[in-house]
N, C-alpha and C. Protein backbone atom coordinates (compact mmCIF):
# COMPACT_ATOMS: atom_id res chain seq x y z
N UNK A 1 -58.61 106.61 85.58
CA UNK A 1 -57.29 106.10 85.88
C UNK A 1 -57.40 104.59 86.10
N UNK A 2 -56.55 103.85 85.47
CA UNK A 2 -56.52 102.41 85.58
C UNK A 2 -55.79 102.02 86.87
N UNK A 3 -56.46 101.26 87.72
CA UNK A 3 -55.89 100.87 89.00
C UNK A 3 -54.57 100.12 88.84
N UNK A 4 -54.48 99.28 87.83
CA UNK A 4 -53.27 98.49 87.63
C UNK A 4 -52.05 99.34 87.30
N UNK A 5 -52.26 100.44 86.61
CA UNK A 5 -51.13 101.25 86.14
C UNK A 5 -50.87 102.49 86.97
N UNK A 6 -51.78 102.82 87.89
CA UNK A 6 -51.64 104.03 88.69
C UNK A 6 -50.45 103.92 89.63
N UNK A 7 -49.71 105.00 89.74
CA UNK A 7 -48.57 105.05 90.64
C UNK A 7 -48.94 105.86 91.88
N UNK A 8 -48.05 105.88 92.84
CA UNK A 8 -48.31 106.68 94.04
C UNK A 8 -48.46 108.16 93.70
N UNK A 9 -47.67 108.63 92.74
CA UNK A 9 -47.79 110.04 92.36
C UNK A 9 -49.13 110.33 91.68
N UNK A 10 -49.71 109.35 91.01
CA UNK A 10 -51.03 109.53 90.42
C UNK A 10 -52.09 109.75 91.50
N UNK A 11 -51.85 109.21 92.69
CA UNK A 11 -52.78 109.36 93.81
C UNK A 11 -52.45 110.58 94.67
N UNK A 12 -51.49 111.38 94.26
CA UNK A 12 -51.20 112.63 94.96
C UNK A 12 -50.07 112.56 95.97
N UNK A 13 -49.29 111.50 95.94
CA UNK A 13 -48.13 111.40 96.84
C UNK A 13 -46.94 112.03 96.12
N UNK A 14 -46.36 113.09 96.68
CA UNK A 14 -45.20 113.72 96.02
C UNK A 14 -44.02 112.74 95.93
N UNK A 15 -43.31 112.76 94.81
CA UNK A 15 -42.17 111.84 94.65
C UNK A 15 -41.13 111.95 95.76
N UNK A 16 -40.96 113.14 96.33
CA UNK A 16 -39.99 113.33 97.41
C UNK A 16 -40.41 112.64 98.70
N UNK A 17 -41.72 112.39 98.88
CA UNK A 17 -42.22 111.77 100.11
C UNK A 17 -42.29 110.25 100.04
N UNK A 18 -42.09 109.66 98.87
CA UNK A 18 -42.22 108.21 98.73
C UNK A 18 -41.19 107.46 99.57
N UNK A 19 -39.89 107.85 99.57
CA UNK A 19 -38.95 107.14 100.46
C UNK A 19 -39.30 107.27 101.94
N UNK A 20 -39.78 108.44 102.34
CA UNK A 20 -40.18 108.63 103.74
C UNK A 20 -41.38 107.76 104.08
N UNK A 21 -42.31 107.62 103.16
CA UNK A 21 -43.48 106.77 103.37
C UNK A 21 -43.06 105.30 103.51
N UNK A 22 -42.18 104.84 102.64
CA UNK A 22 -41.71 103.46 102.70
C UNK A 22 -40.95 103.21 104.00
N UNK A 23 -40.16 104.16 104.45
CA UNK A 23 -39.46 104.03 105.71
C UNK A 23 -40.44 104.01 106.88
N UNK A 24 -41.48 104.83 106.79
CA UNK A 24 -42.50 104.89 107.84
C UNK A 24 -43.19 103.54 108.01
N UNK A 25 -43.45 102.85 106.91
CA UNK A 25 -44.10 101.55 106.98
C UNK A 25 -43.26 100.50 107.71
N UNK A 26 -41.95 100.68 107.72
CA UNK A 26 -41.07 99.71 108.39
C UNK A 26 -41.06 99.89 109.91
N UNK A 27 -41.57 101.05 110.38
CA UNK A 27 -41.51 101.36 111.81
C UNK A 27 -42.88 101.82 112.33
N UNK A 28 -43.91 101.08 112.04
CA UNK A 28 -45.25 101.45 112.48
C UNK A 28 -45.48 101.08 113.94
N UNK A 29 -46.11 101.98 114.69
CA UNK A 29 -46.53 101.61 116.04
C UNK A 29 -47.94 101.01 115.95
N UNK A 30 -48.48 100.59 117.08
CA UNK A 30 -49.77 99.88 117.07
C UNK A 30 -50.90 100.74 116.52
N UNK A 31 -50.91 102.02 116.84
CA UNK A 31 -51.96 102.91 116.34
C UNK A 31 -51.88 103.06 114.82
N UNK A 32 -50.66 103.18 114.30
CA UNK A 32 -50.46 103.28 112.85
C UNK A 32 -50.87 101.99 112.15
N UNK A 33 -50.56 100.84 112.77
CA UNK A 33 -50.97 99.57 112.19
C UNK A 33 -52.49 99.45 112.13
N UNK A 34 -53.15 99.92 113.19
CA UNK A 34 -54.61 99.92 113.20
C UNK A 34 -55.17 100.78 112.08
N UNK A 35 -54.60 101.98 111.92
CA UNK A 35 -55.05 102.88 110.85
C UNK A 35 -54.81 102.27 109.47
N UNK A 36 -53.66 101.62 109.29
CA UNK A 36 -53.36 100.98 108.02
C UNK A 36 -54.35 99.85 107.74
N UNK A 37 -54.69 99.09 108.75
CA UNK A 37 -55.67 98.02 108.57
C UNK A 37 -57.03 98.58 108.18
N UNK A 38 -57.42 99.68 108.79
CA UNK A 38 -58.70 100.31 108.44
C UNK A 38 -58.70 100.82 107.00
N UNK A 39 -57.61 101.40 106.58
CA UNK A 39 -57.49 101.87 105.19
C UNK A 39 -57.51 100.67 104.23
N UNK A 40 -56.85 99.59 104.61
CA UNK A 40 -56.85 98.38 103.78
C UNK A 40 -58.25 97.82 103.63
N UNK A 41 -59.00 97.80 104.71
CA UNK A 41 -60.38 97.30 104.65
C UNK A 41 -61.22 98.15 103.72
N UNK A 42 -61.03 99.45 103.77
CA UNK A 42 -61.84 100.35 102.95
C UNK A 42 -61.47 100.31 101.47
N UNK A 43 -60.20 100.28 101.15
CA UNK A 43 -59.76 100.42 99.76
C UNK A 43 -59.36 99.11 99.08
N UNK A 44 -59.30 98.02 99.82
CA UNK A 44 -58.95 96.72 99.21
C UNK A 44 -59.84 95.63 99.80
N UNK A 45 -61.16 95.77 99.67
CA UNK A 45 -62.05 94.77 100.27
C UNK A 45 -61.82 93.38 99.65
N UNK A 46 -61.80 92.39 100.52
CA UNK A 46 -61.58 91.03 100.06
C UNK A 46 -60.14 90.59 100.12
N UNK A 47 -59.22 91.53 100.01
CA UNK A 47 -57.79 91.21 100.08
C UNK A 47 -57.09 92.10 101.11
N UNK A 48 -57.87 92.63 102.05
CA UNK A 48 -57.32 93.58 103.01
C UNK A 48 -56.22 92.97 103.87
N UNK A 49 -56.37 91.72 104.27
CA UNK A 49 -55.32 91.13 105.12
C UNK A 49 -54.05 90.85 104.34
N UNK A 50 -54.19 90.48 103.08
CA UNK A 50 -53.00 90.25 102.26
C UNK A 50 -52.26 91.56 102.00
N UNK A 51 -53.00 92.63 101.72
CA UNK A 51 -52.39 93.95 101.50
C UNK A 51 -51.69 94.42 102.77
N UNK A 52 -52.38 94.30 103.89
CA UNK A 52 -51.81 94.72 105.18
C UNK A 52 -50.52 93.95 105.48
N UNK A 53 -50.56 92.64 105.33
CA UNK A 53 -49.37 91.83 105.58
C UNK A 53 -48.23 92.18 104.63
N UNK A 54 -48.56 92.45 103.39
CA UNK A 54 -47.54 92.80 102.41
C UNK A 54 -46.84 94.10 102.79
N UNK A 55 -47.60 95.08 103.24
CA UNK A 55 -47.02 96.37 103.59
C UNK A 55 -46.23 96.28 104.90
N UNK A 56 -46.83 95.69 105.92
CA UNK A 56 -46.21 95.66 107.24
C UNK A 56 -45.01 94.72 107.30
N UNK A 57 -45.13 93.56 106.67
CA UNK A 57 -44.07 92.55 106.76
C UNK A 57 -43.18 92.48 105.52
N UNK A 58 -43.37 93.38 104.58
CA UNK A 58 -42.57 93.44 103.35
C UNK A 58 -42.57 92.10 102.60
N UNK A 59 -43.76 91.56 102.40
CA UNK A 59 -43.92 90.30 101.70
C UNK A 59 -44.47 90.58 100.31
N UNK A 60 -43.85 90.04 99.30
CA UNK A 60 -44.32 90.22 97.93
C UNK A 60 -45.43 89.26 97.56
N UNK A 61 -46.06 89.51 96.44
CA UNK A 61 -47.18 88.70 95.97
C UNK A 61 -46.79 87.24 95.79
N UNK A 62 -45.69 86.99 95.12
CA UNK A 62 -45.31 85.60 94.80
C UNK A 62 -44.94 84.81 96.05
N UNK A 63 -44.32 85.45 97.01
CA UNK A 63 -44.02 84.77 98.27
C UNK A 63 -45.31 84.47 99.02
N UNK A 64 -46.20 85.45 99.08
CA UNK A 64 -47.45 85.27 99.79
C UNK A 64 -48.34 84.22 99.11
N UNK A 65 -48.24 84.13 97.81
CA UNK A 65 -49.05 83.18 97.05
C UNK A 65 -48.75 81.73 97.44
N UNK A 66 -47.55 81.49 97.93
CA UNK A 66 -47.16 80.13 98.33
C UNK A 66 -47.93 79.63 99.54
N UNK A 67 -48.27 80.55 100.47
CA UNK A 67 -48.90 80.10 101.70
C UNK A 67 -50.26 80.73 101.99
N UNK A 68 -50.77 81.57 101.10
CA UNK A 68 -52.09 82.17 101.28
C UNK A 68 -52.85 82.15 99.97
N UNK A 69 -54.16 82.15 100.10
CA UNK A 69 -55.02 82.24 98.93
C UNK A 69 -54.99 83.66 98.40
N UNK A 70 -54.73 83.83 97.12
CA UNK A 70 -54.68 85.14 96.50
C UNK A 70 -55.79 85.24 95.45
N UNK A 71 -56.89 85.88 95.78
CA UNK A 71 -58.02 85.92 94.86
C UNK A 71 -57.90 86.91 93.70
N UNK A 72 -56.79 87.63 93.61
CA UNK A 72 -56.58 88.60 92.53
C UNK A 72 -55.25 88.31 91.83
N UNK A 73 -55.11 88.89 90.65
CA UNK A 73 -53.85 88.72 89.91
C UNK A 73 -52.75 89.59 90.54
N UNK A 74 -51.53 89.33 90.13
CA UNK A 74 -50.40 90.08 90.66
C UNK A 74 -50.51 91.57 90.35
N UNK A 75 -50.89 91.90 89.12
CA UNK A 75 -51.03 93.31 88.74
C UNK A 75 -52.10 94.01 89.57
N UNK A 76 -53.23 93.35 89.78
CA UNK A 76 -54.30 93.93 90.60
C UNK A 76 -53.84 94.09 92.05
N UNK A 77 -53.15 93.10 92.56
CA UNK A 77 -52.66 93.15 93.93
C UNK A 77 -51.79 94.38 94.16
N UNK A 78 -50.83 94.59 93.28
CA UNK A 78 -49.94 95.74 93.46
C UNK A 78 -50.66 97.06 93.20
N UNK A 79 -51.68 97.06 92.36
CA UNK A 79 -52.49 98.26 92.18
C UNK A 79 -53.23 98.62 93.46
N UNK A 80 -53.85 97.62 94.09
CA UNK A 80 -54.54 97.85 95.36
C UNK A 80 -53.56 98.24 96.46
N UNK A 81 -52.38 97.66 96.43
CA UNK A 81 -51.37 97.99 97.44
C UNK A 81 -50.95 99.46 97.31
N UNK A 82 -50.70 99.91 96.09
CA UNK A 82 -50.32 101.32 95.89
C UNK A 82 -51.44 102.26 96.31
N UNK A 83 -52.67 101.89 95.99
CA UNK A 83 -53.80 102.74 96.38
C UNK A 83 -53.92 102.82 97.90
N UNK A 84 -53.78 101.69 98.56
CA UNK A 84 -53.85 101.66 100.02
C UNK A 84 -52.72 102.49 100.64
N UNK A 85 -51.52 102.35 100.09
CA UNK A 85 -50.39 103.13 100.60
C UNK A 85 -50.64 104.63 100.43
N UNK A 86 -51.19 105.02 99.29
CA UNK A 86 -51.46 106.44 99.04
C UNK A 86 -52.54 106.97 99.97
N UNK A 87 -53.59 106.21 100.18
CA UNK A 87 -54.66 106.66 101.08
C UNK A 87 -54.15 106.74 102.51
N UNK A 88 -53.31 105.80 102.91
CA UNK A 88 -52.72 105.87 104.25
C UNK A 88 -51.82 107.11 104.35
N UNK A 89 -51.08 107.41 103.30
CA UNK A 89 -50.22 108.59 103.29
C UNK A 89 -51.03 109.85 103.58
N UNK A 90 -52.18 109.98 102.92
CA UNK A 90 -53.01 111.18 103.12
C UNK A 90 -53.57 111.23 104.55
N UNK A 91 -53.94 110.08 105.09
CA UNK A 91 -54.41 110.02 106.47
C UNK A 91 -53.29 110.39 107.43
N UNK A 92 -52.11 109.87 107.21
CA UNK A 92 -50.97 110.15 108.08
C UNK A 92 -50.59 111.63 108.02
N UNK A 93 -50.69 112.23 106.86
CA UNK A 93 -50.39 113.67 106.73
C UNK A 93 -51.42 114.50 107.50
N UNK A 94 -52.70 114.11 107.41
CA UNK A 94 -53.74 114.83 108.11
C UNK A 94 -53.59 114.75 109.63
N UNK A 95 -53.17 113.61 110.11
CA UNK A 95 -53.04 113.42 111.56
C UNK A 95 -51.65 113.77 112.10
N UNK A 96 -50.74 114.18 111.22
CA UNK A 96 -49.41 114.57 111.64
C UNK A 96 -48.48 113.41 111.96
N UNK A 97 -48.78 112.25 111.46
CA UNK A 97 -47.96 111.06 111.71
C UNK A 97 -46.82 110.90 110.72
N UNK A 98 -46.85 111.71 109.66
CA UNK A 98 -45.83 111.58 108.62
C UNK A 98 -45.30 112.94 108.26
């Protein structure tokens, strides 16, 4: 599976749960933010802080590119972001947070 083209459903997130996942990201508590950061570190090494900020603060690649160093292309960034979101989804399901 090509990371750039993979969708959340390719990573096993049911289409019905995607809106709930996106809503969950807007209302994370401190423990959830910690878990998201850990998932970002594991699945997006080197760009973990950019991925984390993008998910938590709803910042897009082009906006972030203005004030932060972006060592990957836009397509790669969003591929890593989707992968991180999917892995967090599975963790949240296991722990009953979602």
